[in-house]
Protein backbone atom coordinates (compact mmCIF):
# COMPACT_ATOMS: atom_id res chain seq x y z
CA UNK A 1 120.18 119.51 89.62
CA UNK A 2 123.38 118.40 87.56
CA UNK A 3 121.67 115.44 85.13
CA UNK A 4 125.35 113.60 85.24
CA UNK A 5 124.18 112.92 89.37
CA UNK A 6 120.85 111.22 87.74
CA UNK A 7 123.14 107.71 87.14
CA UNK A 8 120.61 104.89 89.13
CA UNK A 9 116.94 103.34 87.42
CA UNK A 10 113.89 103.82 89.61
CA UNK A 11 110.65 102.31 89.23
CA UNK A 12 107.42 104.78 90.31
CA UNK A 13 104.11 102.57 91.08
CA UNK A 14 100.84 103.33 92.64
CA UNK A 15 98.40 101.28 94.51
CA UNK A 16 95.60 100.02 92.10
CA UNK A 17 92.47 98.41 94.03
CA UNK A 18 91.07 95.82 92.08
CA UNK A 19 86.98 94.61 92.56
CA UNK A 20 87.52 90.82 93.32
CA UNK A 21 83.82 89.80 92.54
CA UNK A 22 83.12 89.30 95.78
CA UNK A 23 82.42 92.89 97.37
CA UNK A 24 86.15 93.33 98.15
CA UNK A 25 89.30 94.92 96.51
CA UNK A 26 92.43 92.68 95.31
CA UNK A 27 95.77 95.60 96.06
CA UNK A 28 98.46 95.46 93.84
CA UNK A 29 101.35 97.67 92.54
CA UNK A 30 101.31 99.07 88.96
CA UNK A 31 104.27 100.36 87.45
CA UNK A 32 103.58 104.35 86.53
CA UNK A 33 107.62 104.79 84.71
CA UNK A 34 110.91 103.92 84.79
CA UNK A 35 113.47 107.36 85.67
CA UNK A 36 116.56 108.54 86.00
CA UNK A 37 117.40 109.17 89.49
CA UNK A 38 120.18 109.88 91.94
CA UNK A 39 119.43 108.38 95.35
CA UNK A 40 121.27 108.83 98.52
CA UNK A 41 121.55 106.75 101.57
CA UNK A 42 120.90 109.96 104.56
CA UNK A 43 120.60 107.85 107.72
CA UNK A 44 119.77 104.09 108.90
CA UNK A 45 119.25 102.57 112.13
CA UNK A 46 118.15 99.39 114.32
CA UNK A 47 115.77 98.68 116.99
CA UNK A 48 114.33 95.13 118.30
CA UNK A 49 110.98 95.19 118.18
CA UNK A 50 109.17 91.89 118.52
CA UNK A 51 112.05 90.02 119.39
CA UNK A 52 113.19 90.75 115.80
CA UNK A 53 115.64 93.06 114.56
CA UNK A 54 113.81 96.48 112.52
CA UNK A 55 116.23 98.00 110.66
CA UNK A 56 115.10 101.20 109.14
CA UNK A 57 117.29 103.33 105.93
CA UNK A 58 116.12 106.93 104.94
CA UNK A 59 117.48 107.73 101.69
CA UNK A 60 116.89 111.13 99.61
CA UNK A 61 115.42 110.56 95.87
CA UNK A 62 116.34 112.91 93.17
CA UNK A 63 114.44 112.98 89.65
CA UNK A 64 112.90 115.20 87.59
CA UNK A 65 110.04 116.87 87.13
CA UNK A 66 107.55 114.97 86.47
CA UNK A 67 103.85 115.99 87.56
CA UNK A 68 101.22 113.52 89.68
CA UNK A 69 104.05 111.73 91.82
CA UNK A 70 102.63 111.37 95.32
CA UNK A 71 103.27 110.03 99.07
CA UNK A 72 100.30 107.03 98.20
CA UNK A 73 103.25 105.45 95.77
CA UNK A 74 106.63 104.14 96.29
CA UNK A 75 109.54 103.21 94.33
CA UNK A 76 111.67 99.92 92.88
CA UNK A 77 114.98 100.29 93.17
CA UNK A 78 116.76 97.70 91.69
CA UNK A 79 115.35 94.71 94.21
CA UNK A 80 114.57 97.39 96.83
CA UNK A 81 111.46 98.91 97.74
CA UNK A 82 111.28 102.55 98.74
CA UNK A 83 107.66 104.34 100.28
CA UNK A 84 107.44 108.10 99.38
CA UNK A 85 107.20 109.66 102.10
CA UNK A 86 107.54 113.43 100.94
CA UNK A 87 107.27 115.31 97.71
CA UNK A 88 109.31 118.43 97.13
CA UNK A 89 109.54 120.64 93.99
CA UNK A 90 112.53 123.03 94.93
CA UNK A 91 111.59 126.74 94.88
CA UNK A 92 108.15 124.89 92.94
CA UNK A 93 110.09 125.57 89.74
CA UNK A 94 109.12 122.55 87.91
CA UNK A 95 112.13 121.55 87.54
CA UNK A 96 113.08 118.49 89.93
CA UNK A 97 111.57 116.74 92.40
CA UNK A 98 112.76 115.59 95.43
CA UNK A 99 111.47 112.20 97.51
CA UNK A 100 112.32 111.70 101.32
CA UNK A 101 112.01 108.02 101.43
CA UNK A 102 112.07 105.03 103.45
CA UNK A 103 113.20 101.62 103.45
CA UNK A 104 112.41 98.81 105.40
CA UNK A 105 115.28 96.03 106.09
């Protein structure tokens, strides 16, 4: 990993459920950390579904290693939301994490 490539700020978010007092719960996304990242778009496609054009983009996001990052989390990248599909620790050396993400536009 080249530290100079980590030039984008992203915020890791985790889904939290709060008891609403009526037997249910409210889901909200809570910021866990704001980190430097290398965001690299991989591919994009469009399809026609339910009389609407649906666009999908996929990204590879590289960050410094940090514990607790899971596929159930998401990233905020500016005004965009990236869903984490997979978390990869290359060679399991705990130096960096590669997050394979998708964005539905």
